[in-house]
Amino acid sequence: EVTISWNDGHTSSYGFSFLRRVCPCAECAGGHENMGKLPDVEAYDLPDEETPATRLEKVEAVGSYALTITWEDGHHFGIYNWQFLRTICPCAECRMKQVGYG
C-alpha cells in the first residue's frame, strides 16, 4: 500500500488494487469528461487482486503537485494529484464525508 501523512495530521493508506481501480487517466475514467470524478462507491469495497495491473513498478513525483505510477503491466498514464488522493481517502471517516454523512 501507499501511505501518505498529510500536513493536517491525517494519514491515508491506499491499497495498490484500489489505486489502479481509481486511476484518473482518460482511458481508465471512461473519457476526458469523466476525469477527476469521484470513484464509484464499489471501488472501495472490491477485493484486492494480485496481478501485473496491480503491482507497482515505479512511483514518481510530478512536480510538487502529484504522483504518477507505472504499473507492472505497463500502464503509466494516470496522474494522481494530491487533492484527488486526499478526496478519495479510503478511511472510514473520509468515506462518510464523501457520501455526505460527515
N, C-alpha and C. Protein backbone atom coordinates (compact mmCIF):
# COMPACT_ATOMS: atom_id res chain seq x y z
N GLU A 1 0.82 -1.19 0.00
CA GLU A 1 0.00 0.00 0.00
C GLU A 1 0.87 1.25 0.00
N VAL A 2 0.25 2.35 -0.39
CA VAL A 2 0.89 3.66 -0.37
C VAL A 2 0.28 4.42 0.80
N THR A 3 1.11 4.94 1.68
CA THR A 3 0.64 5.69 2.83
C THR A 3 1.12 7.13 2.72
N ILE A 4 0.20 8.06 2.94
CA ILE A 4 0.51 9.49 2.89
C ILE A 4 0.13 10.10 4.22
N SER A 5 1.07 10.83 4.83
CA SER A 5 0.80 11.60 6.04
C SER A 5 0.60 13.05 5.61
N TRP A 6 -0.61 13.55 5.82
CA TRP A 6 -0.98 14.89 5.38
C TRP A 6 -0.55 15.93 6.42
N ASN A 7 -0.42 17.17 5.97
CA ASN A 7 0.02 18.27 6.85
C ASN A 7 -0.92 18.51 8.03
N ASP A 8 -2.19 18.13 7.90
CA ASP A 8 -3.14 18.35 8.99
C ASP A 8 -3.15 17.21 10.01
N GLY A 9 -2.22 16.25 9.86
CA GLY A 9 -2.12 15.14 10.81
C GLY A 9 -2.86 13.89 10.38
N HIS A 10 -3.69 13.96 9.35
CA HIS A 10 -4.42 12.79 8.87
C HIS A 10 -3.46 11.89 8.09
N THR A 11 -3.70 10.59 8.15
CA THR A 11 -2.92 9.62 7.38
C THR A 11 -3.87 8.82 6.51
N SER A 12 -3.50 8.67 5.24
CA SER A 12 -4.29 7.90 4.28
C SER A 12 -3.46 6.73 3.78
N SER A 13 -4.07 5.56 3.71
CA SER A 13 -3.40 4.38 3.17
C SER A 13 -4.23 3.84 2.01
N TYR A 14 -3.57 3.66 0.87
CA TYR A 14 -4.24 3.24 -0.35
C TYR A 14 -3.65 1.91 -0.81
N GLY A 15 -4.50 0.90 -0.94
CA GLY A 15 -4.06 -0.37 -1.49
C GLY A 15 -3.76 -0.22 -2.98
N PHE A 16 -2.83 -1.01 -3.48
CA PHE A 16 -2.46 -0.92 -4.89
C PHE A 16 -3.64 -1.22 -5.81
N SER A 17 -4.45 -2.22 -5.47
CA SER A 17 -5.61 -2.55 -6.30
C SER A 17 -6.58 -1.37 -6.35
N PHE A 18 -6.78 -0.72 -5.22
CA PHE A 18 -7.68 0.44 -5.18
C PHE A 18 -7.14 1.56 -6.06
N LEU A 19 -5.84 1.85 -5.93
CA LEU A 19 -5.26 2.91 -6.75
C LEU A 19 -5.42 2.62 -8.24
N ARG A 20 -5.27 1.38 -8.63
CA ARG A 20 -5.43 1.05 -10.04
C ARG A 20 -6.89 1.18 -10.47
N ARG A 21 -7.82 0.75 -9.61
CA ARG A 21 -9.25 0.87 -9.95
C ARG A 21 -9.68 2.31 -10.14
N VAL A 22 -9.07 3.23 -9.40
CA VAL A 22 -9.48 4.64 -9.46
C VAL A 22 -8.52 5.47 -10.30
N CYS A 23 -7.73 4.81 -11.13
CA CYS A 23 -6.78 5.54 -11.99
C CYS A 23 -7.49 6.70 -12.68
N PRO A 24 -6.95 7.91 -12.55
CA PRO A 24 -7.64 9.08 -13.08
C PRO A 24 -7.37 9.39 -14.55
N CYS A 25 -6.68 8.53 -15.27
CA CYS A 25 -6.40 8.82 -16.68
C CYS A 25 -7.69 8.71 -17.51
N ALA A 26 -7.68 9.32 -18.67
CA ALA A 26 -8.87 9.33 -19.54
C ALA A 26 -9.31 7.92 -19.91
N GLU A 27 -8.35 7.05 -20.20
CA GLU A 27 -8.68 5.68 -20.59
C GLU A 27 -9.42 4.95 -19.46
N CYS A 28 -8.89 5.01 -18.26
CA CYS A 28 -9.50 4.30 -17.13
C CYS A 28 -10.79 4.96 -16.65
N ALA A 29 -10.85 6.28 -16.74
CA ALA A 29 -12.03 7.02 -16.27
C ALA A 29 -13.19 6.95 -17.25
N GLY A 30 -12.94 6.47 -18.46
CA GLY A 30 -14.01 6.38 -19.45
C GLY A 30 -14.17 7.63 -20.28
N GLY A 31 -13.09 8.34 -20.50
CA GLY A 31 -13.12 9.54 -21.33
C GLY A 31 -12.73 10.78 -20.56
N HIS A 32 -12.32 11.80 -21.30
CA HIS A 32 -11.87 13.05 -20.69
C HIS A 32 -12.95 13.69 -19.82
N GLU A 33 -14.20 13.56 -20.20
CA GLU A 33 -15.28 14.19 -19.44
C GLU A 33 -15.45 13.58 -18.05
N ASN A 34 -14.91 12.39 -17.82
CA ASN A 34 -15.05 11.72 -16.53
C ASN A 34 -13.82 11.85 -15.64
N MET A 35 -12.77 12.45 -16.16
CA MET A 35 -11.55 12.59 -15.38
C MET A 35 -11.81 13.51 -14.18
N GLY A 36 -11.29 13.13 -13.03
CA GLY A 36 -11.43 13.94 -11.83
C GLY A 36 -12.68 13.67 -11.02
N LYS A 37 -13.57 12.84 -11.53
CA LYS A 37 -14.77 12.50 -10.76
C LYS A 37 -14.41 11.53 -9.64
N LEU A 38 -15.21 11.56 -8.60
CA LEU A 38 -15.02 10.60 -7.52
C LEU A 38 -15.29 9.19 -8.04
N PRO A 39 -14.55 8.23 -7.54
CA PRO A 39 -14.80 6.84 -7.98
C PRO A 39 -16.16 6.35 -7.50
N ASP A 40 -16.69 5.36 -8.19
CA ASP A 40 -17.91 4.71 -7.75
C ASP A 40 -17.68 4.11 -6.36
N VAL A 41 -18.72 4.07 -5.58
CA VAL A 41 -18.64 3.55 -4.22
C VAL A 41 -18.09 2.12 -4.21
N GLU A 42 -18.44 1.35 -5.22
CA GLU A 42 -18.00 -0.05 -5.29
C GLU A 42 -16.47 -0.17 -5.33
N ALA A 43 -15.80 0.84 -5.84
CA ALA A 43 -14.33 0.79 -5.96
C ALA A 43 -13.66 0.60 -4.60
N TYR A 44 -14.31 1.06 -3.55
CA TYR A 44 -13.73 0.97 -2.21
C TYR A 44 -13.87 -0.43 -1.62
N ASP A 45 -14.84 -1.19 -2.07
CA ASP A 45 -15.16 -2.45 -1.42
C ASP A 45 -14.73 -3.70 -2.19
N LEU A 46 -14.24 -3.52 -3.39
CA LEU A 46 -13.81 -4.69 -4.17
C LEU A 46 -12.56 -5.29 -3.54
N PRO A 47 -12.39 -6.59 -3.66
CA PRO A 47 -11.21 -7.22 -3.06
C PRO A 47 -9.93 -6.85 -3.81
N ASP A 48 -8.83 -6.92 -3.08
CA ASP A 48 -7.53 -6.68 -3.70
C ASP A 48 -7.20 -7.83 -4.63
N GLU A 49 -6.50 -7.50 -5.71
CA GLU A 49 -6.06 -8.51 -6.67
C GLU A 49 -4.55 -8.46 -6.77
N GLU A 50 -3.95 -9.58 -7.07
CA GLU A 50 -2.51 -9.66 -7.26
C GLU A 50 -2.27 -10.02 -8.72
N THR A 51 -2.13 -8.98 -9.56
CA THR A 51 -1.90 -9.17 -10.99
C THR A 51 -0.88 -8.12 -11.44
N PRO A 52 -0.34 -8.25 -12.65
CA PRO A 52 0.56 -7.21 -13.15
C PRO A 52 -0.10 -5.83 -13.17
N ALA A 53 -1.41 -5.77 -13.31
CA ALA A 53 -2.13 -4.49 -13.33
C ALA A 53 -2.17 -3.82 -11.96
N THR A 54 -1.91 -4.59 -10.90
CA THR A 54 -1.99 -4.03 -9.55
C THR A 54 -0.66 -4.04 -8.81
N ARG A 55 0.40 -4.35 -9.52
CA ARG A 55 1.74 -4.31 -8.91
C ARG A 55 2.48 -3.08 -9.40
N LEU A 56 2.94 -2.28 -8.45
CA LEU A 56 3.66 -1.07 -8.79
C LEU A 56 5.06 -1.40 -9.29
N GLU A 57 5.42 -0.76 -10.37
CA GLU A 57 6.78 -0.86 -10.87
C GLU A 57 7.59 0.36 -10.42
N LYS A 58 6.92 1.53 -10.48
CA LYS A 58 7.62 2.77 -10.13
C LYS A 58 6.60 3.84 -9.77
N VAL A 59 6.96 4.67 -8.79
CA VAL A 59 6.17 5.84 -8.41
C VAL A 59 7.09 7.05 -8.54
N GLU A 60 6.60 8.09 -9.23
CA GLU A 60 7.41 9.28 -9.43
C GLU A 60 6.61 10.52 -9.09
N ALA A 61 7.30 11.54 -8.60
CA ALA A 61 6.67 12.84 -8.37
C ALA A 61 6.46 13.53 -9.70
N VAL A 62 5.33 14.22 -9.82
CA VAL A 62 5.05 15.09 -10.96
C VAL A 62 5.10 16.50 -10.39
N GLY A 63 6.21 17.16 -10.56
CA GLY A 63 6.39 18.46 -9.93
C GLY A 63 6.18 18.32 -8.44
N SER A 64 5.49 19.29 -7.86
CA SER A 64 5.17 19.22 -6.44
C SER A 64 3.68 19.00 -6.22
N TYR A 65 2.96 18.63 -7.28
CA TYR A 65 1.50 18.55 -7.16
C TYR A 65 0.90 17.16 -7.32
N ALA A 66 1.70 16.15 -7.67
CA ALA A 66 1.08 14.85 -7.95
C ALA A 66 2.10 13.72 -7.96
N LEU A 67 1.55 12.52 -8.07
CA LEU A 67 2.35 11.30 -8.28
C LEU A 67 1.87 10.66 -9.57
N THR A 68 2.79 9.99 -10.24
CA THR A 68 2.38 9.14 -11.36
C THR A 68 2.93 7.75 -11.06
N ILE A 69 2.16 6.76 -11.42
CA ILE A 69 2.51 5.36 -11.12
C ILE A 69 2.67 4.60 -12.42
N THR A 70 3.76 3.86 -12.51
CA THR A 70 3.93 2.91 -13.59
C THR A 70 3.61 1.54 -13.01
N TRP A 71 2.66 0.87 -13.63
CA TRP A 71 2.23 -0.45 -13.17
C TRP A 71 3.01 -1.51 -13.92
N GLU A 72 3.10 -2.68 -13.35
CA GLU A 72 3.88 -3.77 -13.94
C GLU A 72 3.37 -4.16 -15.33
N ASP A 73 2.08 -3.93 -15.61
CA ASP A 73 1.55 -4.25 -16.93
C ASP A 73 1.85 -3.17 -17.97
N GLY A 74 2.59 -2.12 -17.57
CA GLY A 74 3.00 -1.07 -18.49
C GLY A 74 2.14 0.18 -18.45
N HIS A 75 0.99 0.13 -17.80
CA HIS A 75 0.12 1.31 -17.74
C HIS A 75 0.82 2.40 -16.91
N HIS A 76 0.82 3.64 -17.44
CA HIS A 76 1.50 4.72 -16.73
C HIS A 76 0.91 6.10 -17.05
N PHE A 77 -0.37 6.17 -17.30
CA PHE A 77 -0.96 7.42 -17.77
C PHE A 77 -1.65 8.24 -16.69
N GLY A 78 -1.95 7.66 -15.54
CA GLY A 78 -2.68 8.40 -14.50
C GLY A 78 -1.79 9.33 -13.71
N ILE A 79 -2.27 10.54 -13.51
CA ILE A 79 -1.59 11.50 -12.64
C ILE A 79 -2.49 11.69 -11.42
N TYR A 80 -2.02 11.21 -10.29
CA TYR A 80 -2.77 11.25 -9.04
C TYR A 80 -2.37 12.51 -8.28
N ASN A 81 -3.11 13.61 -8.49
CA ASN A 81 -2.72 14.85 -7.79
C ASN A 81 -3.10 14.73 -6.32
N TRP A 82 -2.44 15.56 -5.51
CA TRP A 82 -2.63 15.47 -4.05
C TRP A 82 -4.08 15.70 -3.67
N GLN A 83 -4.76 16.64 -4.31
CA GLN A 83 -6.17 16.90 -3.98
C GLN A 83 -7.04 15.67 -4.27
N PHE A 84 -6.81 15.03 -5.41
CA PHE A 84 -7.55 13.82 -5.76
C PHE A 84 -7.29 12.73 -4.71
N LEU A 85 -6.04 12.52 -4.36
CA LEU A 85 -5.70 11.49 -3.38
C LEU A 85 -6.35 11.77 -2.02
N ARG A 86 -6.33 13.01 -1.60
CA ARG A 86 -6.95 13.33 -0.31
C ARG A 86 -8.46 13.12 -0.38
N THR A 87 -9.06 13.51 -1.48
CA THR A 87 -10.51 13.38 -1.65
C THR A 87 -10.96 11.93 -1.64
N ILE A 88 -10.14 11.04 -2.18
CA ILE A 88 -10.55 9.63 -2.26
C ILE A 88 -10.00 8.79 -1.11
N CYS A 89 -9.53 9.42 -0.05
CA CYS A 89 -9.00 8.67 1.09
C CYS A 89 -10.00 7.58 1.47
N PRO A 90 -9.52 6.33 1.56
CA PRO A 90 -10.45 5.23 1.83
C PRO A 90 -10.75 4.96 3.31
N CYS A 91 -10.25 5.79 4.22
CA CYS A 91 -10.54 5.53 5.63
C CYS A 91 -12.03 5.75 5.91
N ALA A 92 -12.52 5.16 6.97
CA ALA A 92 -13.96 5.23 7.29
C ALA A 92 -14.42 6.67 7.48
N GLU A 93 -13.64 7.49 8.17
CA GLU A 93 -14.02 8.89 8.42
C GLU A 93 -14.19 9.65 7.10
N CYS A 94 -13.24 9.52 6.21
CA CYS A 94 -13.30 10.24 4.94
C CYS A 94 -14.40 9.70 4.03
N ARG A 95 -14.60 8.39 4.06
CA ARG A 95 -15.69 7.82 3.23
C ARG A 95 -17.04 8.35 3.67
N MET A 96 -17.24 8.55 4.95
CA MET A 96 -18.51 9.12 5.44
C MET A 96 -18.68 10.53 4.88
N LYS A 97 -17.62 11.30 4.83
CA LYS A 97 -17.69 12.66 4.28
C LYS A 97 -17.98 12.62 2.79
N GLN A 98 -17.40 11.64 2.09
CA GLN A 98 -17.58 11.53 0.64
C GLN A 98 -19.04 11.28 0.27
N VAL A 99 -19.74 10.56 1.09
CA VAL A 99 -21.14 10.26 0.80
C VAL A 99 -22.09 11.20 1.49
N GLY A 100 -21.54 12.22 2.14
CA GLY A 100 -22.38 13.26 2.72
C GLY A 100 -22.87 13.04 4.13
N TYR A 101 -22.23 12.15 4.87
CA TYR A 101 -22.68 11.90 6.24
C TYR A 101 -21.73 12.48 7.27
N GLY A 102 -20.66 13.14 6.82
CA GLY A 102 -19.68 13.63 7.79
C GLY A 102 -19.70 15.11 7.95
